[in-house]
C-alpha cells in the first residue's frame, strides 16, 4: 500500500521537474517474473526506475539504508521499509545468502525484482564490475534478466551531493536475456561470472558508459586512500581511479542462445570466457552481492 501511495504522490513531481524519458519499456513483461538489472549512478535511481514501470518492483537494497542514524537515515528507513524492499548485507558469503533466497521467493511469486549488480553507486559515473548474485538468482528462479540503463542521474545527483539538479533524465530497457539453458549450473562460478559479464556488457551498450574491470567498492577505497581519508569512501564523486577499458569482446557472445553456435561453429556446454579476462584473484574475486 505504501509503495503505491509513494508512487502516486511522487510521480507527478518527478515528471514535472525531471521529465523522464524511456526507450524499450515494451521489453518489460506485463506479467510474470523477471529480474531488472540496472546500472547504479545515483540515489535517485530508486525513484525513477519504478516511475516508468506500471508493475510493482521489489528492490534488493543495501542493509545500511535500514540502519542509518539521523534525519536522513530515518527518511531512508521509512522509504525502503514502507516500500517493501529487501535489505541485503553486502559483505558477501552467508551474510548475503538470506537476501538472495528472499529474492528468489519473490520471483517465484511471479513478481519483478530490481537489483544493481555493481553493489553500490558508481563513484565517478562509469560502469563497474558486476557481482554474481544476479546470475545466481536468475538461474535458481529460472527467470529472464532485463538490463535497464539509467541515463543522466549521475549528473543530477552524484554520490555526496545533497540536493538534485533539475535536468532531464532517461532510461533504456534492453531485450530480456534468457539463461535457462544453464539452469543446472547455478553452482558453477565460471558460468555465474560469464553470465554476469554478459549482463554488464548489455548495460554498457545501453548506457554508453566506460567500463572499469574492478568492483566499485574497491574503486571507492582507492579514491579514499588517494585523498588520504579512508572515511571518504562513500563521499563525493571522484575520477582519480585508474582508467577503464571495454568489456572483452568475447563477453558479447559469452552466453549463446539455445540452438545457436559459437564463433567456432560448436555449441558450448557452458559459457565461453574471454581468454584475457581476469580470474579469481584479489582484486577480481567473484562476489555474490
Protein backbone atom coordinates (compact mmCIF):
# COMPACT_ATOMS: atom_id res chain seq x y z
CA UNK A 1 0.00 0.00 0.00
CA UNK A 2 2.76 2.43 0.99
CA UNK A 3 4.53 1.68 -2.32
CA UNK A 4 1.54 2.81 -4.37
CA UNK A 5 0.93 5.86 -2.18
CA UNK A 6 4.54 6.94 -2.72
CA UNK A 7 4.21 6.36 -6.44
CA UNK A 8 1.01 8.41 -6.70
CA UNK A 9 2.48 11.26 -4.64
CA UNK A 10 5.98 11.37 -6.14
CA UNK A 11 5.25 10.56 -9.78
CA UNK A 12 3.73 13.96 -10.71
CA UNK A 13 6.62 15.81 -9.03
CA UNK A 14 9.30 13.74 -10.75
CA UNK A 15 7.59 14.05 -14.13
CA UNK A 16 7.25 17.84 -13.90
CA UNK A 17 10.82 18.62 -12.79
CA UNK A 18 12.91 15.88 -14.44
CA UNK A 19 10.70 14.91 -17.43
CA UNK A 20 11.99 11.32 -17.61
CA UNK A 21 12.06 9.60 -20.99
CA UNK A 22 12.19 5.86 -21.58
CA UNK A 23 13.10 3.62 -24.51
CA UNK A 24 12.20 -0.06 -24.68
CA UNK A 25 9.53 -0.12 -21.97
CA UNK A 26 7.76 -2.81 -24.02
CA UNK A 27 10.58 -5.21 -23.06
CA UNK A 28 9.24 -5.40 -19.51
CA UNK A 29 6.56 -8.14 -19.37
CA UNK A 30 3.02 -7.21 -18.33
CA UNK A 31 3.01 -10.26 -16.08
CA UNK A 32 5.31 -12.98 -14.88
CA UNK A 33 8.65 -12.85 -13.02
CA UNK A 34 11.82 -11.15 -14.23
CA UNK A 35 14.95 -9.51 -12.86
CA UNK A 36 15.54 -5.86 -13.73
CA UNK A 37 19.32 -5.37 -13.60
CA UNK A 38 20.39 -1.74 -13.65
CA UNK A 39 23.49 0.40 -13.53
CA UNK A 40 23.65 2.42 -10.31
CA UNK A 41 24.59 6.08 -10.69
CA UNK A 42 22.58 7.89 -8.02
CA UNK A 43 20.24 7.52 -5.07
CA UNK A 44 17.58 8.85 -7.45
CA UNK A 45 17.67 5.57 -9.39
CA UNK A 46 15.41 4.09 -6.70
CA UNK A 47 12.73 6.65 -7.59
CA UNK A 48 12.90 6.92 -11.37
CA UNK A 49 13.04 3.24 -12.29
CA UNK A 50 9.69 2.37 -10.60
CA UNK A 51 8.19 5.56 -12.03
CA UNK A 52 8.17 4.32 -15.62
CA UNK A 53 7.03 0.78 -14.78
CA UNK A 54 3.35 0.14 -14.15
CA UNK A 55 4.07 -3.04 -12.19
CA UNK A 56 5.49 -3.08 -8.69
CA UNK A 57 9.24 -3.62 -8.41
CA UNK A 58 10.82 -5.07 -5.26
CA UNK A 59 14.44 -3.99 -4.91
CA UNK A 60 17.36 -5.57 -3.11
CA UNK A 61 18.70 -2.57 -1.18
CA UNK A 62 21.85 -2.38 0.94
CA UNK A 63 21.19 -3.00 4.63
CA UNK A 64 22.79 0.35 5.54
CA UNK A 65 19.64 2.09 4.29
CA UNK A 66 17.68 0.39 7.07
CA UNK A 67 20.09 1.22 9.91
CA UNK A 68 21.43 4.75 9.30
CA UNK A 69 21.04 7.27 12.11
CA UNK A 70 19.80 10.85 11.95
CA UNK A 71 17.05 12.50 9.93
CA UNK A 72 18.46 11.31 6.62
CA UNK A 73 18.70 7.77 7.96
CA UNK A 74 15.12 7.93 9.24
CA UNK A 75 13.87 9.02 5.83
CA UNK A 76 15.70 6.18 4.08
CA UNK A 77 14.50 3.62 6.62
CA UNK A 78 10.86 4.71 6.28
CA UNK A 79 11.05 4.79 2.49
CA UNK A 80 12.74 1.42 1.95
CA UNK A 81 10.84 -0.41 4.69
CA UNK A 82 7.49 1.04 3.67
CA UNK A 83 8.11 0.20 0.03
CA UNK A 84 8.77 -3.43 0.97
CA UNK A 85 12.37 -3.50 -0.21
CA UNK A 86 14.66 -6.37 0.82
CA UNK A 87 17.78 -5.43 2.87
CA UNK A 88 20.94 -7.13 1.69
CA UNK A 89 24.25 -7.44 3.53
CA UNK A 90 26.96 -6.58 1.01
CA UNK A 91 29.78 -8.27 2.94
CA UNK A 92 29.09 -11.39 0.88
CA UNK A 93 29.10 -15.07 1.82
CA UNK A 94 26.42 -16.42 4.14
CA UNK A 95 25.51 -12.87 5.20
CA UNK A 96 24.13 -12.27 1.69
CA UNK A 97 22.51 -15.67 1.08
CA UNK A 98 19.36 -14.78 3.02
CA UNK A 99 18.61 -11.80 0.81
CA UNK A 100 19.25 -13.80 -2.36
CA UNK A 101 16.88 -16.53 -1.15
CA UNK A 102 14.26 -13.85 -0.39
CA UNK A 103 14.71 -12.52 -3.91
CA UNK A 104 14.16 -15.98 -5.39
CA UNK A 105 10.96 -16.37 -3.33
CA UNK A 106 9.64 -13.05 -4.68
CA UNK A 107 10.41 -14.17 -8.24
CA UNK A 108 8.63 -17.48 -7.72
CA UNK A 109 5.55 -15.48 -6.77
CA UNK A 110 5.56 -14.07 -10.30
CA UNK A 111 6.87 -10.62 -9.36
CA UNK A 112 9.63 -8.28 -10.53
CA UNK A 113 12.92 -7.91 -8.68
CA UNK A 114 15.22 -4.92 -9.17
CA UNK A 115 18.94 -5.27 -8.50
CA UNK A 116 22.10 -3.27 -9.11
CA UNK A 117 24.83 -5.83 -9.95
CA UNK A 118 27.60 -3.31 -9.15
CA UNK A 119 26.51 -3.49 -5.50
CA UNK A 120 26.89 0.24 -4.84
CA UNK A 121 26.66 3.56 -6.65
CA UNK A 122 29.32 4.40 -9.20
CA UNK A 123 31.75 6.91 -7.66
CA UNK A 124 32.53 8.60 -10.99
CA UNK A 125 29.76 7.81 -13.47
CA UNK A 126 31.50 4.79 -15.00
CA UNK A 127 30.23 1.21 -15.07
CA UNK A 128 31.95 -1.23 -12.70
CA UNK A 129 32.35 -4.99 -12.47
CA UNK A 130 29.11 -6.80 -11.59
CA UNK A 131 28.70 -9.23 -8.71
CA UNK A 132 27.44 -12.72 -9.47
CA UNK A 133 24.35 -12.69 -7.21
CA UNK A 134 22.18 -11.55 -10.13
CA UNK A 135 23.25 -14.58 -12.17
CA UNK A 136 22.63 -16.99 -9.31
CA UNK A 137 19.12 -15.61 -8.75
CA UNK A 138 18.30 -15.83 -12.45
CA UNK A 139 19.36 -19.48 -12.66
CA UNK A 140 17.78 -20.60 -9.38
CA UNK A 141 14.45 -18.89 -10.14
CA UNK A 142 14.54 -19.69 -13.86
CA UNK A 143 13.68 -16.14 -14.94
CA UNK A 144 14.99 -13.74 -17.62
CA UNK A 145 17.22 -10.78 -16.82
CA UNK A 146 16.22 -7.43 -18.32
CA UNK A 147 19.01 -4.82 -18.44
CA UNK A 148 17.84 -1.30 -17.56
CA UNK A 149 20.27 1.58 -18.10
CA UNK A 150 19.78 4.82 -16.18
CA UNK A 151 20.84 7.88 -18.18
CA UNK A 152 21.80 11.18 -16.58
CA UNK A 153 21.04 10.50 -12.91
CA UNK A 154 24.73 10.82 -12.01
CA UNK A 155 24.77 14.38 -13.36
CA UNK A 156 21.57 15.19 -11.47
CA UNK A 157 22.72 13.86 -8.09
CA UNK A 158 26.11 12.12 -7.83
CA UNK A 159 27.16 10.49 -4.53
CA UNK A 160 27.83 13.14 -1.90
CA UNK A 161 25.54 15.81 -3.38
CA UNK A 162 22.64 16.68 -1.09
CA UNK A 163 20.18 18.35 -3.47
CA UNK A 164 19.48 17.12 -7.01
CA UNK A 165 19.85 19.39 -10.02
CA UNK A 166 16.94 19.98 -12.37
CA UNK A 167 17.91 18.17 -15.54
CA UNK A 168 16.16 15.67 -17.77
CA UNK A 169 16.98 12.01 -17.18
CA UNK A 170 16.16 8.84 -19.07
CA UNK A 171 16.13 5.05 -19.15
CA UNK A 172 16.87 2.46 -21.81
CA UNK A 173 15.40 -1.00 -21.34
CA UNK A 174 17.11 -3.82 -23.20
CA UNK A 175 15.85 -7.12 -24.54
CA UNK A 176 15.28 -9.89 -21.95
CA UNK A 177 18.31 -12.17 -21.57
CA UNK A 178 17.43 -15.86 -21.33
CA UNK A 179 19.91 -18.04 -19.45
CA UNK A 180 17.59 -21.02 -18.93
CA UNK A 181 19.96 -23.42 -20.74
CA UNK A 182 22.33 -23.05 -17.76
CA UNK A 183 19.67 -23.77 -15.13
CA UNK A 184 21.60 -26.74 -13.69
CA UNK A 185 24.85 -24.76 -13.40
CA UNK A 186 23.87 -22.33 -10.63
CA UNK A 187 26.82 -23.52 -8.52
CA UNK A 188 29.41 -23.15 -11.28
CA UNK A 189 31.26 -19.90 -10.60
CA UNK A 190 32.69 -19.87 -14.12
CA UNK A 191 29.15 -19.85 -15.52
CA UNK A 192 27.95 -17.25 -13.00
CA UNK A 193 30.88 -14.97 -13.82
CA UNK A 194 30.29 -15.25 -17.57
CA UNK A 195 26.55 -14.59 -17.25
CA UNK A 196 27.20 -11.56 -15.05
CA UNK A 197 29.71 -10.19 -17.56
CA UNK A 198 27.13 -10.63 -20.32
CA UNK A 199 24.64 -8.58 -18.30
CA UNK A 200 27.21 -5.85 -17.68
CA UNK A 201 28.12 -5.80 -21.38
CA UNK A 202 24.46 -5.17 -22.24
CA UNK A 203 24.28 -2.37 -19.67
CA UNK A 204 27.41 -0.80 -21.11
CA UNK A 205 25.93 -0.92 -24.62
CA UNK A 206 22.66 0.65 -23.44
CA UNK A 207 24.17 3.35 -21.23
CA UNK A 208 27.26 4.26 -23.24
CA UNK A 209 29.31 4.20 -20.03
CA UNK A 210 33.01 3.44 -19.88
CA UNK A 211 33.62 0.07 -18.21
CA UNK A 212 36.09 -0.40 -15.35
CA UNK A 213 37.07 -4.02 -14.65
CA UNK A 214 37.09 -3.76 -10.86
CA UNK A 215 34.45 -3.59 -8.16
CA UNK A 216 33.01 -0.16 -7.39
CA UNK A 217 33.62 -0.69 -3.68
CA UNK A 218 37.33 -1.23 -4.35
CA UNK A 219 37.39 1.88 -6.54
CA UNK A 220 35.91 3.94 -3.70
CA UNK A 221 38.53 2.61 -1.31
CA UNK A 222 41.33 3.54 -3.72
CA UNK A 223 39.89 7.03 -4.15
CA UNK A 224 39.64 7.46 -0.39
CA UNK A 225 43.23 6.29 0.07
CA UNK A 226 44.40 8.70 -2.63
CA UNK A 227 42.71 11.54 -0.78
CA UNK A 228 44.26 10.39 2.47
CA UNK A 229 40.94 9.74 4.17
CA UNK A 230 39.58 6.21 4.34
CA UNK A 231 36.30 7.54 5.71
CA UNK A 232 35.61 9.34 2.44
CA UNK A 233 34.88 6.12 0.53
CA UNK A 234 31.17 6.87 0.41
CA UNK A 235 31.61 10.60 -0.07
CA UNK A 236 31.68 12.87 -3.09
CA UNK A 237 32.27 11.55 -6.56
CA UNK A 238 35.81 11.47 -7.88
CA UNK A 239 37.65 10.48 -11.05
CA UNK A 240 41.05 9.51 -9.63
CA UNK A 241 40.60 5.75 -10.09
CA UNK A 242 42.67 4.11 -12.81
CA UNK A 243 41.23 4.25 -16.31
CA UNK A 244 38.53 1.93 -17.54
CA UNK A 245 38.57 -0.34 -20.54
CA UNK A 246 35.86 -2.01 -22.62
CA UNK A 247 34.43 -5.35 -21.60
CA UNK A 248 36.35 -8.06 -23.53
CA UNK A 249 34.69 -8.63 -26.91
CA UNK A 250 34.18 -12.32 -26.14
CA UNK A 251 31.78 -11.40 -23.37
CA UNK A 252 29.34 -10.20 -26.02
CA UNK A 253 28.88 -13.84 -27.03
CA UNK A 254 29.66 -15.35 -23.63
CA UNK A 255 26.17 -16.82 -23.32
CA UNK A 256 24.77 -18.08 -26.61
CA UNK A 257 21.04 -18.69 -27.09
CA UNK A 258 19.81 -22.28 -27.24
CA UNK A 259 20.37 -23.67 -30.67
CA UNK A 260 22.96 -21.11 -31.74
CA UNK A 261 26.64 -21.75 -32.33
CA UNK A 262 29.80 -20.10 -31.11
CA UNK A 263 32.29 -18.40 -33.41
CA UNK A 264 33.99 -21.76 -33.90
CA UNK A 265 30.76 -23.41 -35.06
CA UNK A 266 30.31 -25.60 -31.96
CA UNK A 267 27.63 -25.29 -29.34
CA UNK A 268 29.24 -24.95 -25.87
CA UNK A 269 28.03 -26.78 -22.79
CA UNK A 270 28.72 -23.67 -20.74
CA UNK A 271 29.57 -20.02 -21.49
CA UNK A 272 32.81 -19.15 -23.23
CA UNK A 273 35.03 -16.79 -21.25
CA UNK A 274 37.35 -14.24 -22.81
CA UNK A 275 40.94 -15.60 -22.76
CA UNK A 276 42.27 -12.36 -21.27
CA UNK A 277 39.53 -11.96 -18.70
CA UNK A 278 40.90 -11.79 -15.11
CA UNK A 279 40.04 -14.77 -12.97
CA UNK A 280 39.52 -15.08 -9.24
CA UNK A 281 42.38 -13.13 -7.73
CA UNK A 282 42.42 -10.49 -5.00
CA UNK A 283 41.01 -7.51 -6.89
CA UNK A 284 38.67 -9.59 -9.05
CA UNK A 285 37.40 -12.15 -6.54
CA UNK A 286 33.84 -13.07 -7.50
CA UNK A 287 31.27 -11.89 -5.01
CA UNK A 288 27.60 -12.70 -4.77
CA UNK A 289 26.38 -9.18 -3.96
